[in-house]
PDB file of N, CA and C in Angstrom:
ATOM      1  N   MET A   1       1.233  13.901 -11.586  1.00  0.00           N
ATOM      2  CA  MET A   1       2.347  13.678 -10.673  1.00  0.00           C
ATOM      3  C   MET A   1       2.694  12.194 -10.670  1.00  0.00           C
ATOM      4  N   PRO A   2       3.952  11.843 -10.915  1.00  0.00           N
ATOM      5  CA  PRO A   2       4.330  10.428 -10.956  1.00  0.00           C
ATOM      6  C   PRO A   2       4.301   9.809  -9.561  1.00  0.00           C
ATOM      7  N   ALA A   3       4.112   8.508  -9.523  1.00  0.00           N
ATOM      8  CA  ALA A   3       4.127   7.791  -8.253  1.00  0.00           C
ATOM      9  C   ALA A   3       5.548   7.799  -7.695  1.00  0.00           C
ATOM     10  N   PRO A   4       5.670   7.783  -6.373  1.00  0.00           N
ATOM     11  CA  PRO A   4       7.011   7.784  -5.769  1.00  0.00           C
ATOM     12  C   PRO A   4       7.727   6.462  -5.990  1.00  0.00           C
ATOM     13  N   THR A   5       9.034   6.525  -5.933  1.00  0.00           N
ATOM     14  CA  THR A   5       9.852   5.320  -5.956  1.00  0.00           C
ATOM     15  C   THR A   5       9.915   4.785  -4.531  1.00  0.00           C
ATOM     16  N   LEU A   6       9.585   3.528  -4.370  1.00  0.00           N
ATOM     17  CA  LEU A   6       9.554   2.934  -3.041  1.00  0.00           C
ATOM     18  C   LEU A   6      10.790   2.080  -2.814  1.00  0.00           C
ATOM     19  N   VAL A   7      11.365   2.201  -1.624  1.00  0.00           N
ATOM     20  CA  VAL A   7      12.555   1.442  -1.253  1.00  0.00           C
ATOM     21  C   VAL A   7      12.202   0.337  -0.262  1.00  0.00           C
ATOM     22  N   PHE A   8      11.340   0.660   0.697  1.00  0.00           N
ATOM     23  CA  PHE A   8      11.038  -0.279   1.777  1.00  0.00           C
ATOM     24  C   PHE A   8       9.795  -1.116   1.525  1.00  0.00           C
ATOM     25  N   LEU A   9       8.797  -0.549   0.872  1.00  0.00           N
ATOM     26  CA  LEU A   9       7.545  -1.269   0.663  1.00  0.00           C
ATOM     27  C   LEU A   9       7.603  -2.098  -0.609  1.00  0.00           C
ATOM     28  N   CYS A  10       7.361  -3.376  -0.454  1.00  0.00           N
ATOM     29  CA  CYS A  10       7.299  -4.322  -1.568  1.00  0.00           C
ATOM     30  C   CYS A  10       5.940  -4.992  -1.485  1.00  0.00           C
ATOM     31  N   PHE A  11       5.134  -4.858  -2.532  1.00  0.00           N
ATOM     32  CA  PHE A  11       3.761  -5.338  -2.517  1.00  0.00           C
ATOM     33  C   PHE A  11       3.624  -6.686  -3.208  1.00  0.00           C
ATOM     34  N   ASP A  12       2.817  -7.546  -2.610  1.00  0.00           N
ATOM     35  CA  ASP A  12       2.341  -8.764  -3.249  1.00  0.00           C
ATOM     36  C   ASP A  12       0.938  -8.453  -3.739  1.00  0.00           C
ATOM     37  N   ALA A  13       0.638  -8.825  -4.966  1.00  0.00           N
ATOM     38  CA  ALA A  13      -0.664  -8.531  -5.561  1.00  0.00           C
ATOM     39  C   ALA A  13      -1.490  -9.796  -5.697  1.00  0.00           C
ATOM     40  N   SER A  14      -2.796  -9.640  -5.498  1.00  0.00           N
ATOM     41  CA  SER A  14      -3.726 -10.752  -5.714  1.00  0.00           C
ATOM     42  C   SER A  14      -5.087 -10.159  -6.091  1.00  0.00           C
ATOM     43  N   SER A  15      -5.940 -11.010  -6.618  1.00  0.00           N
ATOM     44  CA  SER A  15      -7.309 -10.581  -6.903  1.00  0.00           C
ATOM     45  C   SER A  15      -8.230 -11.764  -6.660  1.00  0.00           C
ATOM     46  N   ASP A  16      -9.491 -11.454  -6.392  1.00  0.00           N
ATOM     47  CA  ASP A  16     -10.448 -12.530  -6.148  1.00  0.00           C
ATOM     48  C   ASP A  16     -11.457 -12.604  -7.291  1.00  0.00           C
ATOM     49  N   THR A  17     -12.351 -13.544  -7.202  1.00  0.00           N
ATOM     50  CA  THR A  17     -13.313 -13.763  -8.277  1.00  0.00           C
ATOM     51  C   THR A  17     -14.339 -12.638  -8.390  1.00  0.00           C
ATOM     52  N   ASP A  18     -14.440 -11.791  -7.372  1.00  0.00           N
ATOM     53  CA  ASP A  18     -15.365 -10.653  -7.416  1.00  0.00           C
ATOM     54  C   ASP A  18     -14.713  -9.419  -8.030  1.00  0.00           C
ATOM     55  N   GLY A  19     -13.455  -9.547  -8.458  1.00  0.00           N
ATOM     56  CA  GLY A  19     -12.765  -8.419  -9.076  1.00  0.00           C
ATOM     57  C   GLY A  19     -12.080  -7.481  -8.104  1.00  0.00           C
ATOM     58  N   VAL A  20     -11.975  -7.870  -6.838  1.00  0.00           N
ATOM     59  CA  VAL A  20     -11.278  -7.046  -5.847  1.00  0.00           C
ATOM     60  C   VAL A  20      -9.785  -7.334  -5.946  1.00  0.00           C
ATOM     61  N   HIS A  21      -9.014  -6.277  -6.104  1.00  0.00           N
ATOM     62  CA  HIS A  21      -7.554  -6.389  -6.184  1.00  0.00           C
ATOM     63  C   HIS A  21      -6.970  -6.001  -4.825  1.00  0.00           C
ATOM     64  N   THR A  22      -6.014  -6.778  -4.359  1.00  0.00           N
ATOM     65  CA  THR A  22      -5.401  -6.535  -3.061  1.00  0.00           C
ATOM     66  C   THR A  22      -3.886  -6.452  -3.225  1.00  0.00           C
ATOM     67  N   PHE A  23      -3.307  -5.488  -2.530  1.00  0.00           N
ATOM     68  CA  PHE A  23      -1.860  -5.278  -2.531  1.00  0.00           C
ATOM     69  C   PHE A  23      -1.404  -5.241  -1.082  1.00  0.00           C
ATOM     70  N   ASP A  24      -0.526  -6.164  -0.705  1.00  0.00           N
ATOM     71  CA  ASP A  24      -0.044  -6.287   0.665  1.00  0.00           C
ATOM     72  C   ASP A  24       1.453  -6.043   0.725  1.00  0.00           C
ATOM     73  N   ALA A  25       1.864  -5.223   1.693  1.00  0.00           N
ATOM     74  CA  ALA A  25       3.289  -4.955   1.899  1.00  0.00           C
ATOM     75  C   ALA A  25       3.618  -5.103   3.378  1.00  0.00           C
ATOM     76  N   LEU A  26       4.809  -5.564   3.649  1.00  0.00           N
ATOM     77  CA  LEU A  26       5.308  -5.680   5.010  1.00  0.00           C
ATOM     78  C   LEU A  26       6.748  -5.194   5.020  1.00  0.00           C
ATOM     79  N   ALA A  27       7.045  -4.267   5.904  1.00  0.00           N
ATOM     80  CA  ALA A  27       8.419  -3.779   6.058  1.00  0.00           C
ATOM     81  C   ALA A  27       8.774  -3.849   7.540  1.00  0.00           C
ATOM     82  N   SER A  28       9.913  -4.409   7.840  1.00  0.00           N
ATOM     83  CA  SER A  28      10.401  -4.497   9.206  1.00  0.00           C
ATOM     84  C   SER A  28      11.781  -3.866   9.237  1.00  0.00           C
ATOM     85  N   THR A  29      11.901  -2.783   9.988  1.00  0.00           N
ATOM     86  CA  THR A  29      13.161  -2.032  10.014  1.00  0.00           C
ATOM     87  C   THR A  29      13.522  -1.646  11.440  1.00  0.00           C
ATOM     88  N   SER A  30      14.733  -1.154  11.586  1.00  0.00           N
ATOM     89  CA  SER A  30      15.145  -0.598  12.868  1.00  0.00           C
ATOM     90  C   SER A  30      14.325   0.661  13.151  1.00  0.00           C
ATOM     91  N   ARG A  31      14.245   1.024  14.397  1.00  0.00           N
ATOM     92  CA  ARG A  31      13.493   2.240  14.757  1.00  0.00           C
ATOM     93  C   ARG A  31      14.040   3.471  14.032  1.00  0.00           C
ATOM     94  N   GLU A  32      15.341   3.505  13.782  1.00  0.00           N
ATOM     95  CA  GLU A  32      15.954   4.642  13.101  1.00  0.00           C
ATOM     96  C   GLU A  32      15.431   4.804  11.667  1.00  0.00           C
ATOM     97  N   ARG A  33      15.043   3.726  11.034  1.00  0.00           N
ATOM     98  CA  ARG A  33      14.571   3.776   9.639  1.00  0.00           C
ATOM     99  C   ARG A  33      13.047   3.784   9.528  1.00  0.00           C
ATOM    100  N   HIS A  34      12.371   3.689  10.670  1.00  0.00           N
ATOM    101  CA  HIS A  34      10.910   3.617  10.676  1.00  0.00           C
ATOM    102  C   HIS A  34      10.265   4.855  10.040  1.00  0.00           C
ATOM    103  N   ALA A  35      10.806   6.025  10.293  1.00  0.00           N
ATOM    104  CA  ALA A  35      10.229   7.247   9.713  1.00  0.00           C
ATOM    105  C   ALA A  35      10.250   7.209   8.187  1.00  0.00           C
ATOM    106  N   ALA A  36      11.293   6.620   7.617  1.00  0.00           N
ATOM    107  CA  ALA A  36      11.379   6.516   6.157  1.00  0.00           C
ATOM    108  C   ALA A  36      10.306   5.568   5.620  1.00  0.00           C
ATOM    109  N   VAL A  37      10.043   4.490   6.351  1.00  0.00           N
ATOM    110  CA  VAL A  37       8.984   3.556   5.948  1.00  0.00           C
ATOM    111  C   VAL A  37       7.633   4.264   5.996  1.00  0.00           C
ATOM    112  N   MET A  38       7.383   4.986   7.074  1.00  0.00           N
ATOM    113  CA  MET A  38       6.100   5.672   7.208  1.00  0.00           C
ATOM    114  C   MET A  38       5.941   6.777   6.167  1.00  0.00           C
ATOM    115  N   ALA A  39       7.041   7.387   5.751  1.00  0.00           N
ATOM    116  CA  ALA A  39       6.962   8.382   4.675  1.00  0.00           C
ATOM    117  C   ALA A  39       6.498   7.712   3.379  1.00  0.00           C
ATOM    118  N   GLU A  40       6.976   6.498   3.121  1.00  0.00           N
ATOM    119  CA  GLU A  40       6.523   5.765   1.937  1.00  0.00           C
ATOM    120  C   GLU A  40       5.044   5.400   2.058  1.00  0.00           C
ATOM    121  N   VAL A  41       4.612   4.961   3.237  1.00  0.00           N
ATOM    122  CA  VAL A  41       3.194   4.655   3.458  1.00  0.00           C
ATOM    123  C   VAL A  41       2.357   5.898   3.168  1.00  0.00           C
ATOM    124  N   ASP A  42       2.793   7.038   3.704  1.00  0.00           N
ATOM    125  CA  ASP A  42       2.060   8.297   3.484  1.00  0.00           C
ATOM    126  C   ASP A  42       1.988   8.640   1.998  1.00  0.00           C
ATOM    127  N   GLU A  43       3.078   8.414   1.269  1.00  0.00           N
ATOM    128  CA  GLU A  43       3.089   8.707  -0.170  1.00  0.00           C
ATOM    129  C   GLU A  43       2.126   7.810  -0.935  1.00  0.00           C
ATOM    130  N   VAL A  44       2.098   6.526  -0.593  1.00  0.00           N
ATOM    131  CA  VAL A  44       1.192   5.590  -1.264  1.00  0.00           C
ATOM    132  C   VAL A  44      -0.258   5.982  -0.981  1.00  0.00           C
ATOM    133  N   LEU A  45      -0.558   6.277   0.282  1.00  0.00           N
ATOM    134  CA  LEU A  45      -1.927   6.644   0.635  1.00  0.00           C
ATOM    135  C   LEU A  45      -2.333   7.980   0.006  1.00  0.00           C
ATOM    136  N   ALA A  46      -1.397   8.912  -0.082  1.00  0.00           N
ATOM    137  CA  ALA A  46      -1.690  10.194  -0.729  1.00  0.00           C
ATOM    138  C   ALA A  46      -1.963   9.990  -2.216  1.00  0.00           C
ATOM    139  N   TRP A  47      -1.195   9.120  -2.868  1.00  0.00           N
ATOM    140  CA  TRP A  47      -1.446   8.820  -4.281  1.00  0.00           C
ATOM    141  C   TRP A  47      -2.854   8.254  -4.443  1.00  0.00           C
ATOM    142  N   ALA A  48      -3.199   7.278  -3.601  1.00  0.00           N
ATOM    143  CA  ALA A  48      -4.510   6.639  -3.706  1.00  0.00           C
ATOM    144  C   ALA A  48      -5.629   7.651  -3.485  1.00  0.00           C
ATOM    145  N   ALA A  49      -5.471   8.535  -2.504  1.00  0.00           N
ATOM    146  CA  ALA A  49      -6.509   9.524  -2.209  1.00  0.00           C
ATOM    147  C   ALA A  49      -6.644  10.543  -3.339  1.00  0.00           C
ATOM    148  N   ARG A  50      -5.521  10.914  -3.958  1.00  0.00           N
ATOM    149  CA  ARG A  50      -5.575  11.849  -5.096  1.00  0.00           C
ATOM    150  C   ARG A  50      -6.239  11.207  -6.300  1.00  0.00           C
ATOM    151  N   ARG A  51      -5.851   9.989  -6.590  1.00  0.00           N
ATOM    152  CA  ARG A  51      -6.318   9.307  -7.796  1.00  0.00           C
ATOM    153  C   ARG A  51      -7.735   8.782  -7.656  1.00  0.00           C
ATOM    154  N   PHE A  52      -8.106   8.358  -6.442  1.00  0.00           N
ATOM    155  CA  PHE A  52      -9.428   7.793  -6.168  1.00  0.00           C
ATOM    156  C   PHE A  52      -9.987   8.450  -4.901  1.00  0.00           C
ATOM    157  N   PRO A  53     -10.498   9.673  -5.031  1.00  0.00           N
ATOM    158  CA  PRO A  53     -10.917  10.444  -3.856  1.00  0.00           C
ATOM    159  C   PRO A  53     -12.129   9.883  -3.113  1.00  0.00           C
ATOM    160  N   ASP A  54     -12.791   8.870  -3.661  1.00  0.00           N
ATOM    161  CA  ASP A  54     -13.920   8.279  -2.949  1.00  0.00           C
ATOM    162  C   ASP A  54     -13.482   7.229  -1.930  1.00  0.00           C
ATOM    163  N   GLY A  55     -12.205   7.101  -1.701  1.00  0.00           N
ATOM    164  CA  GLY A  55     -11.682   6.178  -0.699  1.00  0.00           C
ATOM    165  C   GLY A  55     -10.775   6.928   0.250  1.00  0.00           C
ATOM    166  N   PRO A  56     -10.296   6.309   1.280  1.00  0.00           N
ATOM    167  CA  PRO A  56     -10.561   4.918   1.611  1.00  0.00           C
ATOM    168  C   PRO A  56     -11.953   4.756   2.219  1.00  0.00           C
ATOM    169  N   GLY A  57     -12.450   3.566   2.079  1.00  0.00           N
ATOM    170  CA  GLY A  57     -13.759   3.254   2.625  1.00  0.00           C
ATOM    171  C   GLY A  57     -14.094   1.800   2.395  1.00  0.00           C
ATOM    172  N   ASP A  58     -15.334   1.471   2.666  1.00  0.00           N
ATOM    173  CA  ASP A  58     -15.823   0.106   2.519  1.00  0.00           C
ATOM    174  C   ASP A  58     -16.198  -0.138   1.061  1.00  0.00           C
ATOM    175  N   LEU A  59     -15.574  -1.123   0.447  1.00  0.00           N
ATOM    176  CA  LEU A  59     -15.855  -1.433  -0.954  1.00  0.00           C
ATOM    177  C   LEU A  59     -17.315  -1.825  -1.154  1.00  0.00           C
ATOM    178  N   ASP A  60     -17.903  -2.483  -0.169  1.00  0.00           N
ATOM    179  CA  ASP A  60     -19.308  -2.888  -0.268  1.00  0.00           C
ATOM    180  C   ASP A  60     -20.264  -1.699  -0.245  1.00  0.00           C
ATOM    181  N   GLU A  61     -19.765  -0.552   0.201  1.00  0.00           N
ATOM    182  CA  GLU A  61     -20.599   0.642   0.255  1.00  0.00           C
ATOM    183  C   GLU A  61     -20.251   1.631  -0.854  1.00  0.00           C
ATOM    184  N   GLY A  62     -19.462   1.183  -1.843  1.00  0.00           N
ATOM    185  CA  GLY A  62     -19.200   2.005  -3.008  1.00  0.00           C
ATOM    186  C   GLY A  62     -17.855   2.686  -3.084  1.00  0.00           C
ATOM    187  N   ALA A  63     -17.015   2.541  -2.071  1.00  0.00           N
ATOM    188  CA  ALA A  63     -15.670   3.130  -2.145  1.00  0.00           C
ATOM    189  C   ALA A  63     -14.853   2.347  -3.173  1.00  0.00           C
ATOM    190  N   SER A  64     -13.938   3.039  -3.839  1.00  0.00           N
ATOM    191  CA  SER A  64     -13.111   2.346  -4.830  1.00  0.00           C
ATOM    192  C   SER A  64     -11.899   1.661  -4.206  1.00  0.00           C
ATOM    193  N   TRP A  65     -11.566   2.023  -2.965  1.00  0.00           N
ATOM    194  CA  TRP A  65     -10.440   1.362  -2.301  1.00  0.00           C
ATOM    195  C   TRP A  65     -10.569   1.488  -0.789  1.00  0.00           C
ATOM    196  N   GLY A  66      -9.894   0.573  -0.106  1.00  0.00           N
ATOM    197  CA  GLY A  66      -9.832   0.583   1.348  1.00  0.00           C
ATOM    198  C   GLY A  66      -8.419   0.249   1.790  1.00  0.00           C
ATOM    199  N   GLN A  67      -8.159   0.473   3.056  1.00  0.00           N
ATOM    200  CA  GLN A  67      -6.811   0.246   3.578  1.00  0.00           C
ATOM    201  C   GLN A  67      -6.852  -0.393   4.953  1.00  0.00           C
ATOM    202  N   ASP A  68      -5.772  -1.066   5.279  1.00  0.00           N
ATOM    203  CA  ASP A  68      -5.541  -1.577   6.622  1.00  0.00           C
ATOM    204  C   ASP A  68      -4.058  -1.358   6.900  1.00  0.00           C
ATOM    205  N   LEU A  69      -3.759  -0.560   7.910  1.00  0.00           N
ATOM    206  CA  LEU A  69      -2.378  -0.253   8.287  1.00  0.00           C
ATOM    207  C   LEU A  69      -2.153  -0.705   9.718  1.00  0.00           C
ATOM    208  N   GLN A  70      -1.122  -1.514   9.911  1.00  0.00           N
ATOM    209  CA  GLN A  70      -0.750  -1.999  11.239  1.00  0.00           C
ATOM    210  C   GLN A  70       0.717  -1.654  11.486  1.00  0.00           C
ATOM    211  N   VAL A  71       1.000  -1.074  12.634  1.00  0.00           N
ATOM    212  CA  VAL A  71       2.374  -0.751  13.036  1.00  0.00           C
ATOM    213  C   VAL A  71       2.637  -1.471  14.352  1.00  0.00           C
ATOM    214  N   THR A  72       3.671  -2.339  14.348  1.00  0.00           N
ATOM    215  CA  THR A  72       3.953  -3.172  15.512  1.00  0.00           C
ATOM    216  C   THR A  72       5.404  -3.019  15.941  1.00  0.00           C
ATOM    217  N   PRO A  73       5.652  -2.364  17.095  1.00  0.00           N
ATOM    218  CA  PRO A  73       7.020  -2.296  17.629  1.00  0.00           C
ATOM    219  C   PRO A  73       7.431  -3.670  18.164  1.00  0.00           C
ATOM    220  N   GLU A  74       8.667  -4.057  17.863  1.00  0.00           N
ATOM    221  CA  GLU A  74       9.202  -5.343  18.313  1.00  0.00           C
ATOM    222  C   GLU A  74      10.630  -5.133  18.795  1.00  0.00           C
ATOM    223  N   GLY A  75      10.794  -4.665  20.024  1.00  0.00           N
ATOM    224  CA  GLY A  75      12.124  -4.357  20.543  1.00  0.00           C
ATOM    225  C   GLY A  75      12.712  -3.170  19.800  1.00  0.00           C
ATOM    226  N   ASP A  76      13.898  -3.366  19.202  1.00  0.00           N
ATOM    227  CA  ASP A  76      14.560  -2.286  18.459  1.00  0.00           C
ATOM    228  C   ASP A  76      14.056  -2.182  17.015  1.00  0.00           C
ATOM    229  N   TRP A  77      13.068  -3.010  16.644  1.00  0.00           N
ATOM    230  CA  TRP A  77      12.532  -3.042  15.288  1.00  0.00           C
ATOM    231  C   TRP A  77      11.069  -2.642  15.290  1.00  0.00           C
ATOM    232  N   VAL A  78      10.610  -2.186  14.128  1.00  0.00           N
ATOM    233  CA  VAL A  78       9.196  -1.847  13.959  1.00  0.00           C
ATOM    234  C   VAL A  78       8.732  -2.493  12.658  1.00  0.00           C
ATOM    235  N   SER A  79       7.640  -3.233  12.737  1.00  0.00           N
ATOM    236  CA  SER A  79       7.051  -3.836  11.540  1.00  0.00           C
ATOM    237  C   SER A  79       5.839  -3.011  11.114  1.00  0.00           C
ATOM    238  N   VAL A  80       5.754  -2.781   9.822  1.00  0.00           N
ATOM    239  CA  VAL A  80       4.641  -2.039   9.243  1.00  0.00           C
ATOM    240  C   VAL A  80       3.996  -2.932   8.194  1.00  0.00           C
ATOM    241  N   SER A  81       2.698  -3.135   8.342  1.00  0.00           N
ATOM    242  CA  SER A  81       1.929  -3.915   7.381  1.00  0.00           C
ATOM    243  C   SER A  81       0.887  -2.993   6.757  1.00  0.00           C
ATOM    244  N   LEU A  82       0.897  -2.908   5.429  1.00  0.00           N
ATOM    245  CA  LEU A  82      -0.066  -2.077   4.704  1.00  0.00           C
ATOM    246  C   LEU A  82      -0.771  -2.956   3.687  1.00  0.00           C
ATOM    247  N   SER A  83      -2.089  -2.967   3.762  1.00  0.00           N
ATOM    248  CA  SER A  83      -2.896  -3.710   2.810  1.00  0.00           C
ATOM    249  C   SER A  83      -3.879  -2.744   2.162  1.00  0.00           C
ATOM    250  N   LEU A  84      -3.887  -2.732   0.836  1.00  0.00           N
ATOM    251  CA  LEU A  84      -4.829  -1.924   0.074  1.00  0.00           C
ATOM    252  C   LEU A  84      -5.673  -2.866  -0.766  1.00  0.00           C
ATOM    253  N   SER A  85      -6.969  -2.664  -0.750  1.00  0.00           N
ATOM    254  CA  SER A  85      -7.883  -3.434  -1.586  1.00  0.00           C
ATOM    255  C   SER A  85      -8.717  -2.462  -2.382  1.00  0.00           C
ATOM    256  N   GLY A  86      -9.030  -2.834  -3.608  1.00  0.00           N
ATOM    257  CA  GLY A  86      -9.818  -1.923  -4.414  1.00  0.00           C
ATOM    258  C   GLY A  86     -10.486  -2.579  -5.605  1.00  0.00           C
ATOM    259  N   THR A  87     -11.237  -1.757  -6.296  1.00  0.00           N
ATOM    260  CA  THR A  87     -11.924  -2.180  -7.514  1.00  0.00           C
ATOM    261  C   THR A  87     -10.904  -2.534  -8.585  1.00  0.00           C
ATOM    262  N   ALA A  88     -11.413  -3.089  -9.675  1.00  0.00           N
ATOM    263  CA  ALA A  88     -10.527  -3.409 -10.798  1.00  0.00           C
ATOM    264  C   ALA A  88      -9.823  -2.165 -11.308  1.00  0.00           C
ATOM    265  N   ALA A  89     -10.533  -1.043 -11.394  1.00  0.00           N
ATOM    266  CA  ALA A  89      -9.915   0.206 -11.867  1.00  0.00           C
ATOM    267  C   ALA A  89      -8.802   0.649 -10.922  1.00  0.00           C
ATOM    268  N   PHE A  90      -9.043   0.547  -9.619  1.00  0.00           N
ATOM    269  CA  PHE A  90      -8.009   0.888  -8.644  1.00  0.00           C
ATOM    270  C   PHE A  90      -6.813  -0.045  -8.794  1.00  0.00           C
ATOM    271  N   GLY A  91      -7.087  -1.346  -8.899  1.00  0.00           N
ATOM    272  CA  GLY A  91      -6.009  -2.330  -9.014  1.00  0.00           C
ATOM    273  C   GLY A  91      -5.141  -2.102 -10.229  1.00  0.00           C
ATOM    274  N   GLU A  92      -5.764  -1.807 -11.358  1.00  0.00           N
ATOM    275  CA  GLU A  92      -4.999  -1.558 -12.578  1.00  0.00           C
ATOM    276  C   GLU A  92      -4.156  -0.302 -12.454  1.00  0.00           C
ATOM    277  N   ALA A  93      -4.734   0.761 -11.902  1.00  0.00           N
ATOM    278  CA  ALA A  93      -3.988   2.015 -11.737  1.00  0.00           C
ATOM    279  C   ALA A  93      -2.838   1.836 -10.751  1.00  0.00           C
ATOM    280  N   PHE A  94      -3.084   1.124  -9.639  1.00  0.00           N
ATOM    281  CA  PHE A  94      -2.040   0.893  -8.645  1.00  0.00           C
ATOM    282  C   PHE A  94      -0.912   0.069  -9.248  1.00  0.00           C
ATOM    283  N   ALA A  95      -1.264  -1.008  -9.938  1.00  0.00           N
ATOM    284  CA  ALA A  95      -0.241  -1.873 -10.538  1.00  0.00           C
ATOM    285  C   ALA A  95       0.592  -1.116 -11.562  1.00  0.00           C
ATOM    286  N   ASP A  96      -0.024  -0.197 -12.283  1.00  0.00           N
ATOM    287  CA  ASP A  96       0.705   0.608 -13.255  1.00  0.00           C
ATOM    288  C   ASP A  96       1.610   1.619 -12.555  1.00  0.00           C
ATOM    289  N   ALA A  97       1.064   2.320 -11.567  1.00  0.00           N
ATOM    290  CA  ALA A  97       1.820   3.375 -10.879  1.00  0.00           C
ATOM    291  C   ALA A  97       2.969   2.826 -10.038  1.00  0.00           C
ATOM    292  N   PHE A  98       2.768   1.665  -9.432  1.00  0.00           N
ATOM    293  CA  PHE A  98       3.763   1.118  -8.505  1.00  0.00           C
ATOM    294  C   PHE A  98       4.359  -0.198  -9.014  1.00  0.00           C
ATOM    295  N   ALA A  99       4.442  -0.339 -10.326  1.00  0.00           N
ATOM    296  CA  ALA A  99       4.953  -1.580 -10.922  1.00  0.00           C
ATOM    297  C   ALA A  99       6.316  -1.961 -10.356  1.00  0.00           C
ATOM    298  N   GLY A 100       7.165  -0.979 -10.094  1.00  0.00           N
ATOM    299  CA  GLY A 100       8.497  -1.255  -9.567  1.00  0.00           C
ATOM    300  C   GLY A 100       8.508  -1.732  -8.137  1.00  0.00           C
ATOM    301  N   ALA A 101       7.380  -1.609  -7.432  1.00  0.00           N
ATOM    302  CA  ALA A 101       7.314  -2.016  -6.021  1.00  0.00           C
ATOM    303  C   ALA A 101       6.487  -3.275  -5.833  1.00  0.00           C
ATOM    304  N   ILE A 102       6.089  -3.905  -6.913  1.00  0.00           N
ATOM    305  CA  ILE A 102       5.318  -5.138  -6.797  1.00  0.00           C
ATOM    306  C   ILE A 102       6.266  -6.300  -7.057  1.00  0.00           C
ATOM    307  N   GLY A 103       6.488  -7.084  -5.991  1.00  0.00           N
ATOM    308  CA  GLY A 103       7.368  -8.238  -6.118  1.00  0.00           C
ATOM    309  C   GLY A 103       8.834  -7.935  -5.993  1.00  0.00           C
ATOM    310  N   GLN A 104       9.183  -6.699  -5.608  1.00  0.00           N
ATOM    311  CA  GLN A 104      10.591  -6.370  -5.397  1.00  0.00           C
ATOM    312  C   GLN A 104      10.690  -5.248  -4.368  1.00  0.00           C
ATOM    313  N   GLY A 105      11.873  -4.990  -3.875  1.00  0.00           N
ATOM    314  CA  GLY A 105      12.067  -3.947  -2.873  1.00  0.00           C
ATOM    315  C   GLY A 105      13.102  -4.371  -1.857  1.00  0.00           C
ATOM    316  N   GLU A 106      13.193  -3.604  -0.786  1.00  0.00           N
ATOM    317  CA  GLU A 106      14.182  -3.850   0.272  1.00  0.00           C
ATOM    318  C   GLU A 106      13.445  -4.013   1.572  1.00  0.00           C
ATOM    319  N   ASP A 107      13.782  -5.069   2.344  1.00  0.00           N
ATOM    320  CA  ASP A 107      13.150  -5.286   3.655  1.00  0.00           C
ATOM    321  C   ASP A 107      13.787  -4.367   4.671  1.00  0.00           C
TER     322      ASP A 107
END
């Protein structure tokens, strides 16, 4: 199954010297568009769970990926922050599957 096309989530990628790859996205939209953002979050997390079923979890305890999701209402707007961290294998697969959403997208 191909990865979904993302409109709202745009990921910044980084890696550390221990080989942990991190992908961070932030989307801030009106409340009316919030459901569409959360649908994209659900699709990304479903892809990760299908492809790497040993996550999400603590990387130090052997999981291949972990997540941090924050949803913050701000008046008529809602900000969503999604951070995924994973092993080198996870990072390579994520970067390949979501290449179109790394470094580009719509806020």
